[in-house]
Amino acid sequence: MTERLYKFSWDFIGDVEEGRPNLGNTTRIEVYRLFQYTMRDVLEERFGTEAADRILYDAGHKAGLNFCRRFADGESDLNAYLEKVKESLMDLKIGILRVESADTAKSNYVLTIAEDLDCSGLPDMGHTVCNYDEGFISGIFYAFGGQKLNVKESDCWCTSDRTCRFQVTPPSPT
């Protein structure tokens, strides 16, 4: 196997102060969505919708895992951990996380993200679009306890809801 050139590392974030002394570390949401939805379009053209959704989910999982290792590591209590995640998401203006329900014994959770970076303000498309967020949330839980949980968006701005709602459940027995 050849050496990977782009295995994720925080080095890819770089020294923003040095690299962007005039523009700084912020940009408009249109730029993020331009990147995300053109990437999604190319993935869908090349591999089909289902594979594109899976790739975005897997990328989100990797991002959620690394995000939490960087911004919410060290908590042994799930509530304190999720509070740290919530604060970090808010500080970085990614979205407003809320735990609607939690059954820790069964590993069932319902989370919402308001003002979601991926879709808030988009038109009603008749389907959910936050596959990356699904993966990100699965990465959040994996970073905490090493448990792979399934995450599925049930409500989305793009289905006429005004918040994204995610059902978190243990994997189905195979």
N, C-alpha and C. Protein backbone atom coordinates (compact mmCIF):
# COMPACT_ATOMS: atom_id res chain seq x y z
N MET A 1 0.84 -1.19 0.00
CA MET A 1 0.00 0.00 0.00
C MET A 1 0.89 1.25 0.00
N THR A 2 0.50 2.23 -0.77
CA THR A 2 1.28 3.46 -0.82
C THR A 2 1.00 4.31 0.41
N GLU A 3 1.94 5.18 0.70
CA GLU A 3 1.80 6.07 1.85
C GLU A 3 0.63 7.02 1.61
N ARG A 4 -0.18 7.20 2.63
CA ARG A 4 -1.31 8.12 2.54
C ARG A 4 -0.80 9.55 2.65
N LEU A 5 -1.28 10.42 1.80
CA LEU A 5 -0.87 11.83 1.81
C LEU A 5 -1.74 12.70 2.70
N TYR A 6 -2.99 12.27 2.94
CA TYR A 6 -3.93 13.16 3.62
C TYR A 6 -4.57 12.54 4.85
N LYS A 7 -3.90 11.60 5.50
CA LYS A 7 -4.44 11.06 6.75
C LYS A 7 -4.63 12.24 7.70
N PHE A 8 -5.82 12.30 8.32
CA PHE A 8 -6.14 13.49 9.10
C PHE A 8 -5.12 13.73 10.22
N SER A 9 -4.79 14.99 10.36
CA SER A 9 -3.94 15.49 11.44
C SER A 9 -4.34 16.94 11.67
N TRP A 10 -4.22 17.38 12.91
CA TRP A 10 -4.52 18.79 13.19
C TRP A 10 -3.51 19.71 12.52
N ASP A 11 -2.42 19.15 12.00
CA ASP A 11 -1.46 19.95 11.24
C ASP A 11 -2.12 20.57 10.00
N PHE A 12 -3.18 19.91 9.47
CA PHE A 12 -3.88 20.47 8.31
C PHE A 12 -4.61 21.76 8.65
N ILE A 13 -4.81 22.04 9.92
CA ILE A 13 -5.41 23.31 10.30
C ILE A 13 -4.38 24.42 10.12
N GLY A 14 -3.15 24.10 10.43
CA GLY A 14 -2.06 25.05 10.22
C GLY A 14 -2.04 26.19 11.22
N ASP A 15 -1.16 27.12 10.97
CA ASP A 15 -1.04 28.33 11.79
C ASP A 15 -1.84 29.43 11.10
N VAL A 16 -3.08 29.56 11.50
CA VAL A 16 -3.99 30.49 10.84
C VAL A 16 -3.54 31.94 11.00
N GLU A 17 -3.02 32.28 12.17
CA GLU A 17 -2.55 33.66 12.40
C GLU A 17 -1.43 34.01 11.43
N GLU A 18 -0.52 33.08 11.21
CA GLU A 18 0.57 33.34 10.27
C GLU A 18 0.07 33.32 8.83
N GLY A 19 -0.76 32.37 8.50
CA GLY A 19 -1.21 32.19 7.13
C GLY A 19 -2.27 33.18 6.67
N ARG A 20 -3.05 33.70 7.61
CA ARG A 20 -4.14 34.64 7.25
C ARG A 20 -4.09 35.85 8.17
N PRO A 21 -2.98 36.60 8.12
CA PRO A 21 -2.84 37.73 9.05
C PRO A 21 -3.88 38.83 8.85
N ASN A 22 -4.44 38.93 7.65
CA ASN A 22 -5.43 39.97 7.38
C ASN A 22 -6.87 39.45 7.46
N LEU A 23 -7.09 38.23 7.00
CA LEU A 23 -8.44 37.69 6.94
C LEU A 23 -8.84 36.90 8.18
N GLY A 24 -7.87 36.40 8.92
CA GLY A 24 -8.17 35.70 10.18
C GLY A 24 -8.81 34.34 9.98
N ASN A 25 -9.46 33.86 11.05
CA ASN A 25 -9.96 32.49 11.05
C ASN A 25 -11.46 32.38 10.75
N THR A 26 -12.08 33.39 10.19
CA THR A 26 -13.51 33.29 9.90
C THR A 26 -13.76 33.46 8.41
N THR A 27 -14.86 32.91 8.00
CA THR A 27 -15.34 33.07 6.64
C THR A 27 -16.85 32.96 6.67
N ARG A 28 -17.49 33.18 5.57
CA ARG A 28 -18.95 33.12 5.53
C ARG A 28 -19.43 31.68 5.32
N ILE A 29 -20.63 31.42 5.80
CA ILE A 29 -21.20 30.08 5.71
C ILE A 29 -21.37 29.61 4.26
N GLU A 30 -21.58 30.56 3.34
CA GLU A 30 -21.72 30.18 1.94
C GLU A 30 -20.49 29.44 1.44
N VAL A 31 -19.32 29.81 1.92
CA VAL A 31 -18.08 29.17 1.49
C VAL A 31 -18.02 27.73 1.99
N TYR A 32 -18.40 27.51 3.24
CA TYR A 32 -18.46 26.15 3.78
C TYR A 32 -19.44 25.30 2.97
N ARG A 33 -20.62 25.85 2.73
CA ARG A 33 -21.64 25.09 1.99
C ARG A 33 -21.24 24.88 0.54
N LEU A 34 -20.56 25.84 -0.06
CA LEU A 34 -20.04 25.66 -1.41
C LEU A 34 -19.12 24.44 -1.44
N PHE A 35 -18.21 24.36 -0.49
CA PHE A 35 -17.31 23.20 -0.41
C PHE A 35 -18.11 21.92 -0.20
N GLN A 36 -18.98 21.91 0.81
CA GLN A 36 -19.68 20.68 1.16
C GLN A 36 -20.58 20.18 0.03
N TYR A 37 -21.37 21.06 -0.55
CA TYR A 37 -22.34 20.59 -1.53
C TYR A 37 -21.75 20.34 -2.91
N THR A 38 -20.63 20.97 -3.26
CA THR A 38 -19.95 20.58 -4.50
C THR A 38 -19.25 19.24 -4.30
N MET A 39 -18.68 19.03 -3.12
CA MET A 39 -18.06 17.73 -2.81
C MET A 39 -19.12 16.64 -2.85
N ARG A 40 -20.27 16.89 -2.23
CA ARG A 40 -21.36 15.91 -2.23
C ARG A 40 -21.81 15.61 -3.67
N ASP A 41 -21.91 16.64 -4.48
CA ASP A 41 -22.33 16.48 -5.88
C ASP A 41 -21.37 15.58 -6.64
N VAL A 42 -20.07 15.82 -6.50
CA VAL A 42 -19.06 15.00 -7.18
C VAL A 42 -19.10 13.56 -6.67
N LEU A 43 -19.22 13.38 -5.35
CA LEU A 43 -19.30 12.03 -4.79
C LEU A 43 -20.53 11.30 -5.33
N GLU A 44 -21.66 12.00 -5.39
CA GLU A 44 -22.89 11.38 -5.88
C GLU A 44 -22.77 11.02 -7.37
N GLU A 45 -22.18 11.93 -8.17
CA GLU A 45 -21.98 11.64 -9.60
C GLU A 45 -21.12 10.40 -9.81
N ARG A 46 -20.06 10.30 -9.03
CA ARG A 46 -19.11 9.20 -9.24
C ARG A 46 -19.53 7.88 -8.61
N PHE A 47 -20.17 7.96 -7.43
CA PHE A 47 -20.41 6.73 -6.67
C PHE A 47 -21.87 6.44 -6.37
N GLY A 48 -22.78 7.37 -6.66
CA GLY A 48 -24.19 7.20 -6.36
C GLY A 48 -24.54 7.83 -5.02
N THR A 49 -25.83 8.06 -4.82
CA THR A 49 -26.30 8.77 -3.64
C THR A 49 -25.99 8.02 -2.35
N GLU A 50 -26.27 6.72 -2.33
CA GLU A 50 -26.07 5.94 -1.11
C GLU A 50 -24.60 5.94 -0.68
N ALA A 51 -23.70 5.75 -1.63
CA ALA A 51 -22.27 5.75 -1.31
C ALA A 51 -21.81 7.14 -0.87
N ALA A 52 -22.32 8.18 -1.53
CA ALA A 52 -21.95 9.55 -1.15
C ALA A 52 -22.40 9.83 0.28
N ASP A 53 -23.63 9.43 0.61
CA ASP A 53 -24.12 9.61 1.98
C ASP A 53 -23.23 8.88 2.98
N ARG A 54 -22.81 7.67 2.65
CA ARG A 54 -21.96 6.86 3.55
C ARG A 54 -20.59 7.52 3.72
N ILE A 55 -20.03 8.01 2.65
CA ILE A 55 -18.71 8.67 2.72
C ILE A 55 -18.80 9.90 3.61
N LEU A 56 -19.86 10.70 3.43
CA LEU A 56 -20.02 11.89 4.27
C LEU A 56 -20.24 11.49 5.73
N TYR A 57 -21.01 10.44 5.98
CA TYR A 57 -21.21 9.95 7.34
C TYR A 57 -19.86 9.55 7.95
N ASP A 58 -19.08 8.78 7.20
CA ASP A 58 -17.78 8.32 7.71
C ASP A 58 -16.82 9.49 7.95
N ALA A 59 -16.84 10.48 7.06
CA ALA A 59 -16.00 11.67 7.26
C ALA A 59 -16.46 12.43 8.50
N GLY A 60 -17.78 12.55 8.67
CA GLY A 60 -18.32 13.20 9.87
C GLY A 60 -17.92 12.45 11.13
N HIS A 61 -17.94 11.12 11.08
CA HIS A 61 -17.53 10.32 12.24
C HIS A 61 -16.08 10.63 12.62
N LYS A 62 -15.23 10.64 11.62
CA LYS A 62 -13.81 10.94 11.87
C LYS A 62 -13.65 12.36 12.42
N ALA A 63 -14.41 13.30 11.88
CA ALA A 63 -14.35 14.68 12.36
C ALA A 63 -14.86 14.78 13.80
N GLY A 64 -15.99 14.15 14.11
CA GLY A 64 -16.54 14.19 15.46
C GLY A 64 -15.59 13.59 16.48
N LEU A 65 -14.98 12.47 16.11
CA LEU A 65 -14.01 11.81 16.99
C LEU A 65 -12.82 12.73 17.27
N ASN A 66 -12.24 13.28 16.22
CA ASN A 66 -11.07 14.16 16.40
C ASN A 66 -11.44 15.47 17.07
N PHE A 67 -12.61 16.01 16.76
CA PHE A 67 -13.10 17.23 17.40
C PHE A 67 -13.18 17.02 18.92
N CYS A 68 -13.78 15.93 19.32
CA CYS A 68 -13.97 15.69 20.76
C CYS A 68 -12.67 15.37 21.47
N ARG A 69 -11.78 14.68 20.79
CA ARG A 69 -10.46 14.43 21.40
C ARG A 69 -9.73 15.75 21.64
N ARG A 70 -9.98 16.72 20.78
CA ARG A 70 -9.31 18.02 20.90
C ARG A 70 -10.03 18.97 21.86
N PHE A 71 -11.36 19.00 21.82
CA PHE A 71 -12.10 20.02 22.54
C PHE A 71 -12.89 19.52 23.75
N ALA A 72 -13.03 18.20 23.91
CA ALA A 72 -13.85 17.72 25.02
C ALA A 72 -13.23 16.52 25.72
N ASP A 73 -11.97 16.32 25.54
CA ASP A 73 -11.29 15.16 26.13
C ASP A 73 -11.16 15.31 27.65
N GLY A 74 -11.08 14.20 28.33
CA GLY A 74 -10.80 14.22 29.76
C GLY A 74 -12.00 14.11 30.66
N GLU A 75 -13.19 14.13 30.12
CA GLU A 75 -14.39 14.00 30.95
C GLU A 75 -14.77 12.53 31.09
N SER A 76 -15.06 12.11 32.31
CA SER A 76 -15.49 10.73 32.53
C SER A 76 -16.99 10.63 32.75
N ASP A 77 -17.65 11.76 32.94
CA ASP A 77 -19.10 11.81 33.11
C ASP A 77 -19.73 12.24 31.79
N LEU A 78 -20.68 11.45 31.30
CA LEU A 78 -21.28 11.73 30.00
C LEU A 78 -21.95 13.10 29.95
N ASN A 79 -22.66 13.49 30.98
CA ASN A 79 -23.32 14.80 30.98
C ASN A 79 -22.31 15.94 30.90
N ALA A 80 -21.24 15.85 31.67
CA ALA A 80 -20.19 16.88 31.64
C ALA A 80 -19.51 16.90 30.28
N TYR A 81 -19.29 15.72 29.72
CA TYR A 81 -18.67 15.60 28.40
C TYR A 81 -19.54 16.26 27.33
N LEU A 82 -20.83 15.93 27.32
CA LEU A 82 -21.73 16.51 26.33
C LEU A 82 -21.86 18.01 26.51
N GLU A 83 -21.78 18.48 27.74
CA GLU A 83 -21.81 19.93 27.99
C GLU A 83 -20.57 20.59 27.38
N LYS A 84 -19.42 19.94 27.51
CA LYS A 84 -18.19 20.46 26.92
C LYS A 84 -18.29 20.49 25.38
N VAL A 85 -18.85 19.42 24.83
CA VAL A 85 -19.06 19.36 23.38
C VAL A 85 -19.98 20.50 22.95
N LYS A 86 -21.08 20.66 23.68
CA LYS A 86 -22.06 21.71 23.39
C LYS A 86 -21.40 23.09 23.39
N GLU A 87 -20.60 23.36 24.41
CA GLU A 87 -19.91 24.66 24.51
C GLU A 87 -18.95 24.87 23.36
N SER A 88 -18.22 23.82 22.98
CA SER A 88 -17.26 23.93 21.88
C SER A 88 -17.96 24.16 20.55
N LEU A 89 -19.07 23.45 20.32
CA LEU A 89 -19.84 23.66 19.09
C LEU A 89 -20.37 25.09 19.02
N MET A 90 -20.80 25.60 20.16
CA MET A 90 -21.32 26.97 20.22
C MET A 90 -20.18 27.98 20.02
N ASP A 91 -19.06 27.78 20.70
CA ASP A 91 -17.92 28.70 20.58
C ASP A 91 -17.43 28.80 19.13
N LEU A 92 -17.44 27.66 18.44
CA LEU A 92 -16.96 27.63 17.06
C LEU A 92 -18.07 27.92 16.05
N LYS A 93 -19.25 28.21 16.56
CA LYS A 93 -20.40 28.59 15.73
C LYS A 93 -20.78 27.50 14.73
N ILE A 94 -20.71 26.25 15.18
CA ILE A 94 -21.08 25.10 14.35
C ILE A 94 -22.57 24.84 14.46
N GLY A 95 -23.12 24.99 15.64
CA GLY A 95 -24.54 24.76 15.87
C GLY A 95 -24.82 24.74 17.36
N ILE A 96 -26.11 24.68 17.68
CA ILE A 96 -26.53 24.69 19.08
C ILE A 96 -27.05 23.30 19.42
N LEU A 97 -26.25 22.55 20.16
CA LEU A 97 -26.56 21.17 20.52
C LEU A 97 -27.45 21.13 21.75
N ARG A 98 -28.43 20.23 21.71
CA ARG A 98 -29.30 20.00 22.86
C ARG A 98 -29.59 18.52 22.94
N VAL A 99 -29.51 17.97 24.15
CA VAL A 99 -29.89 16.58 24.37
C VAL A 99 -31.36 16.60 24.77
N GLU A 100 -32.21 16.08 23.91
CA GLU A 100 -33.65 16.05 24.19
C GLU A 100 -34.01 14.90 25.13
N SER A 101 -33.38 13.76 24.92
CA SER A 101 -33.62 12.62 25.80
C SER A 101 -32.40 11.73 25.81
N ALA A 102 -32.23 11.05 26.94
CA ALA A 102 -31.08 10.16 27.09
C ALA A 102 -31.47 8.97 27.95
N ASP A 103 -31.31 7.80 27.40
CA ASP A 103 -31.47 6.55 28.14
C ASP A 103 -30.11 5.86 28.06
N THR A 104 -29.24 6.21 29.01
CA THR A 104 -27.87 5.71 28.95
C THR A 104 -27.80 4.19 29.11
N ALA A 105 -28.74 3.61 29.85
CA ALA A 105 -28.74 2.15 30.04
C ALA A 105 -28.94 1.44 28.71
N LYS A 106 -29.75 2.01 27.83
CA LYS A 106 -30.03 1.40 26.53
C LYS A 106 -29.24 2.03 25.40
N SER A 107 -28.43 3.04 25.71
CA SER A 107 -27.67 3.79 24.70
C SER A 107 -28.59 4.37 23.63
N ASN A 108 -29.71 4.92 24.08
CA ASN A 108 -30.66 5.61 23.18
C ASN A 108 -30.68 7.09 23.55
N TYR A 109 -30.50 7.92 22.54
CA TYR A 109 -30.46 9.36 22.76
C TYR A 109 -31.20 10.05 21.62
N VAL A 110 -31.72 11.22 21.92
CA VAL A 110 -32.24 12.10 20.89
C VAL A 110 -31.55 13.44 21.08
N LEU A 111 -30.86 13.89 20.05
CA LEU A 111 -30.14 15.16 20.08
C LEU A 111 -30.69 16.07 19.00
N THR A 112 -30.65 17.36 19.26
CA THR A 112 -30.99 18.33 18.23
C THR A 112 -29.81 19.27 18.04
N ILE A 113 -29.73 19.78 16.84
CA ILE A 113 -28.76 20.83 16.53
C ILE A 113 -29.53 21.94 15.82
N ALA A 114 -29.64 23.08 16.48
CA ALA A 114 -30.29 24.25 15.91
C ALA A 114 -29.23 25.11 15.22
N GLU A 115 -29.67 25.91 14.28
CA GLU A 115 -28.78 26.77 13.51
C GLU A 115 -27.61 25.98 12.95
N ASP A 116 -27.95 24.80 12.45
CA ASP A 116 -26.97 23.85 11.95
C ASP A 116 -26.17 24.42 10.78
N LEU A 117 -24.89 24.21 10.82
CA LEU A 117 -23.98 24.71 9.79
C LEU A 117 -24.33 24.15 8.41
N ASP A 118 -24.81 22.92 8.36
CA ASP A 118 -25.04 22.26 7.07
C ASP A 118 -26.32 22.66 6.37
N CYS A 119 -27.37 22.97 7.12
CA CYS A 119 -28.65 23.10 6.40
C CYS A 119 -29.56 24.23 6.84
N SER A 120 -29.35 24.84 7.96
CA SER A 120 -30.29 25.88 8.42
C SER A 120 -30.41 26.98 7.38
N GLY A 121 -31.65 27.23 6.97
CA GLY A 121 -31.91 28.24 5.96
C GLY A 121 -32.07 27.70 4.55
N LEU A 122 -31.79 26.41 4.34
CA LEU A 122 -31.96 25.83 3.00
C LEU A 122 -33.45 25.62 2.72
N PRO A 123 -33.82 25.50 1.46
CA PRO A 123 -35.23 25.26 1.14
C PRO A 123 -35.66 23.84 1.51
N ASP A 124 -36.98 23.63 1.59
CA ASP A 124 -37.53 22.30 1.84
C ASP A 124 -37.21 21.44 0.63
N MET A 125 -36.48 20.36 0.85
CA MET A 125 -36.10 19.45 -0.23
C MET A 125 -36.87 18.13 -0.15
N GLY A 126 -37.62 17.97 0.93
CA GLY A 126 -38.40 16.75 1.09
C GLY A 126 -37.59 15.57 1.61
N HIS A 127 -36.34 15.83 2.00
CA HIS A 127 -35.50 14.76 2.57
C HIS A 127 -34.43 15.39 3.45
N THR A 128 -33.92 14.61 4.38
CA THR A 128 -32.85 15.09 5.26
C THR A 128 -31.55 15.16 4.47
N VAL A 129 -30.63 16.03 4.91
CA VAL A 129 -29.36 16.21 4.19
C VAL A 129 -28.13 16.11 5.08
N CYS A 130 -28.32 15.91 6.37
CA CYS A 130 -27.20 16.05 7.31
C CYS A 130 -26.47 14.74 7.60
N ASN A 131 -26.05 14.04 6.54
CA ASN A 131 -25.31 12.79 6.73
C ASN A 131 -23.98 13.03 7.44
N TYR A 132 -23.31 14.13 7.12
CA TYR A 132 -22.06 14.47 7.77
C TYR A 132 -22.29 14.65 9.27
N ASP A 133 -23.37 15.35 9.63
CA ASP A 133 -23.70 15.55 11.04
C ASP A 133 -24.02 14.24 11.75
N GLU A 134 -24.72 13.34 11.05
CA GLU A 134 -24.99 12.02 11.63
C GLU A 134 -23.67 11.35 12.04
N GLY A 135 -22.73 11.35 11.12
CA GLY A 135 -21.43 10.76 11.42
C GLY A 135 -20.70 11.51 12.52
N PHE A 136 -20.80 12.84 12.50
CA PHE A 136 -20.15 13.66 13.53
C PHE A 136 -20.66 13.27 14.91
N ILE A 137 -21.97 13.11 15.04
CA ILE A 137 -22.57 12.74 16.33
C ILE A 137 -22.13 11.33 16.72
N SER A 138 -22.06 10.42 15.75
CA SER A 138 -21.57 9.08 16.09
C SER A 138 -20.12 9.16 16.59
N GLY A 139 -19.33 10.05 16.01
CA GLY A 139 -17.95 10.25 16.46
C GLY A 139 -17.87 10.84 17.86
N ILE A 140 -18.83 11.71 18.20
CA ILE A 140 -18.90 12.28 19.54
C ILE A 140 -19.05 11.17 20.58
N PHE A 141 -19.98 10.26 20.33
CA PHE A 141 -20.21 9.17 21.28
C PHE A 141 -19.06 8.17 21.28
N TYR A 142 -18.49 7.90 20.11
CA TYR A 142 -17.36 6.98 20.04
C TYR A 142 -16.15 7.53 20.79
N ALA A 143 -15.93 8.83 20.69
CA ALA A 143 -14.81 9.46 21.40
C ALA A 143 -14.97 9.34 22.91
N PHE A 144 -16.21 9.33 23.38
CA PHE A 144 -16.44 9.25 24.82
C PHE A 144 -16.25 7.85 25.37
N GLY A 145 -16.90 6.88 24.79
CA GLY A 145 -16.88 5.55 25.39
C GLY A 145 -16.42 4.43 24.49
N GLY A 146 -16.01 4.75 23.27
CA GLY A 146 -15.55 3.73 22.35
C GLY A 146 -16.67 2.86 21.79
N GLN A 147 -17.92 3.28 21.98
CA GLN A 147 -19.05 2.50 21.50
C GLN A 147 -19.54 3.07 20.18
N LYS A 148 -19.64 2.19 19.18
CA LYS A 148 -20.20 2.62 17.90
C LYS A 148 -21.71 2.63 18.02
N LEU A 149 -22.30 3.77 17.79
CA LEU A 149 -23.75 3.91 17.82
C LEU A 149 -24.22 4.37 16.45
N ASN A 150 -25.41 3.97 16.09
CA ASN A 150 -26.02 4.42 14.84
C ASN A 150 -26.68 5.77 15.08
N VAL A 151 -26.54 6.66 14.14
CA VAL A 151 -27.17 7.97 14.23
C VAL A 151 -27.92 8.20 12.93
N LYS A 152 -29.19 8.55 13.07
CA LYS A 152 -30.03 8.82 11.90
C LYS A 152 -30.80 10.12 12.14
N GLU A 153 -30.74 11.00 11.17
CA GLU A 153 -31.48 12.25 11.26
C GLU A 153 -32.95 11.97 10.98
N SER A 154 -33.82 12.42 11.86
CA SER A 154 -35.26 12.21 11.67
C SER A 154 -35.97 13.50 11.24
N ASP A 155 -35.47 14.64 11.65
CA ASP A 155 -36.03 15.93 11.28
C ASP A 155 -34.89 16.83 10.82
N CYS A 156 -35.20 17.67 9.85
CA CYS A 156 -34.16 18.51 9.24
C CYS A 156 -34.80 19.80 8.74
N TRP A 157 -34.02 20.85 8.66
CA TRP A 157 -34.50 22.09 8.08
C TRP A 157 -35.05 21.80 6.67
N CYS A 158 -34.42 20.87 5.98
CA CYS A 158 -34.80 20.54 4.60
C CYS A 158 -36.04 19.65 4.52
N THR A 159 -36.64 19.34 5.69
CA THR A 159 -37.94 18.63 5.71
C THR A 159 -38.96 19.50 6.43
N SER A 160 -38.76 20.81 6.34
CA SER A 160 -39.67 21.82 6.92
C SER A 160 -39.59 21.93 8.43
N ASP A 161 -38.62 21.29 9.06
CA ASP A 161 -38.43 21.47 10.50
C ASP A 161 -37.46 22.63 10.69
N ARG A 162 -37.41 23.17 11.87
CA ARG A 162 -36.52 24.31 12.11
C ARG A 162 -35.36 23.96 13.02
N THR A 163 -35.20 22.67 13.23
CA THR A 163 -34.03 22.16 13.94
C THR A 163 -33.76 20.76 13.39
N CYS A 164 -32.53 20.32 13.47
CA CYS A 164 -32.18 18.98 13.04
C CYS A 164 -32.25 18.07 14.26
N ARG A 165 -32.92 16.94 14.11
CA ARG A 165 -33.10 16.00 15.22
C ARG A 165 -32.48 14.67 14.81
N PHE A 166 -31.72 14.10 15.74
CA PHE A 166 -30.98 12.88 15.45
C PHE A 166 -31.32 11.80 16.48
N GLN A 167 -31.65 10.61 15.98
CA GLN A 167 -31.92 9.45 16.83
C GLN A 167 -30.61 8.67 16.93
N VAL A 168 -30.16 8.44 18.15
CA VAL A 168 -28.92 7.71 18.40
C VAL A 168 -29.30 6.39 19.07
N THR A 169 -28.90 5.29 18.44
CA THR A 169 -29.26 3.96 18.93
C THR A 169 -28.09 2.99 18.80
N PRO A 170 -28.12 1.93 19.58
CA PRO A 170 -27.07 0.92 19.41
C PRO A 170 -27.25 0.21 18.08
N PRO A 171 -26.17 -0.38 17.56
CA PRO A 171 -26.29 -1.13 16.29
C PRO A 171 -27.28 -2.29 16.45
N SER A 172 -27.95 -2.60 15.36
CA SER A 172 -28.86 -3.75 15.37
C SER A 172 -28.03 -5.03 15.44
N PRO A 173 -28.51 -6.01 16.21
CA PRO A 173 -27.78 -7.28 16.25
C PRO A 173 -27.78 -7.92 14.85
N THR A 174 -26.66 -8.49 14.48
CA THR A 174 -26.57 -9.10 13.15
C THR A 174 -26.66 -10.59 13.19
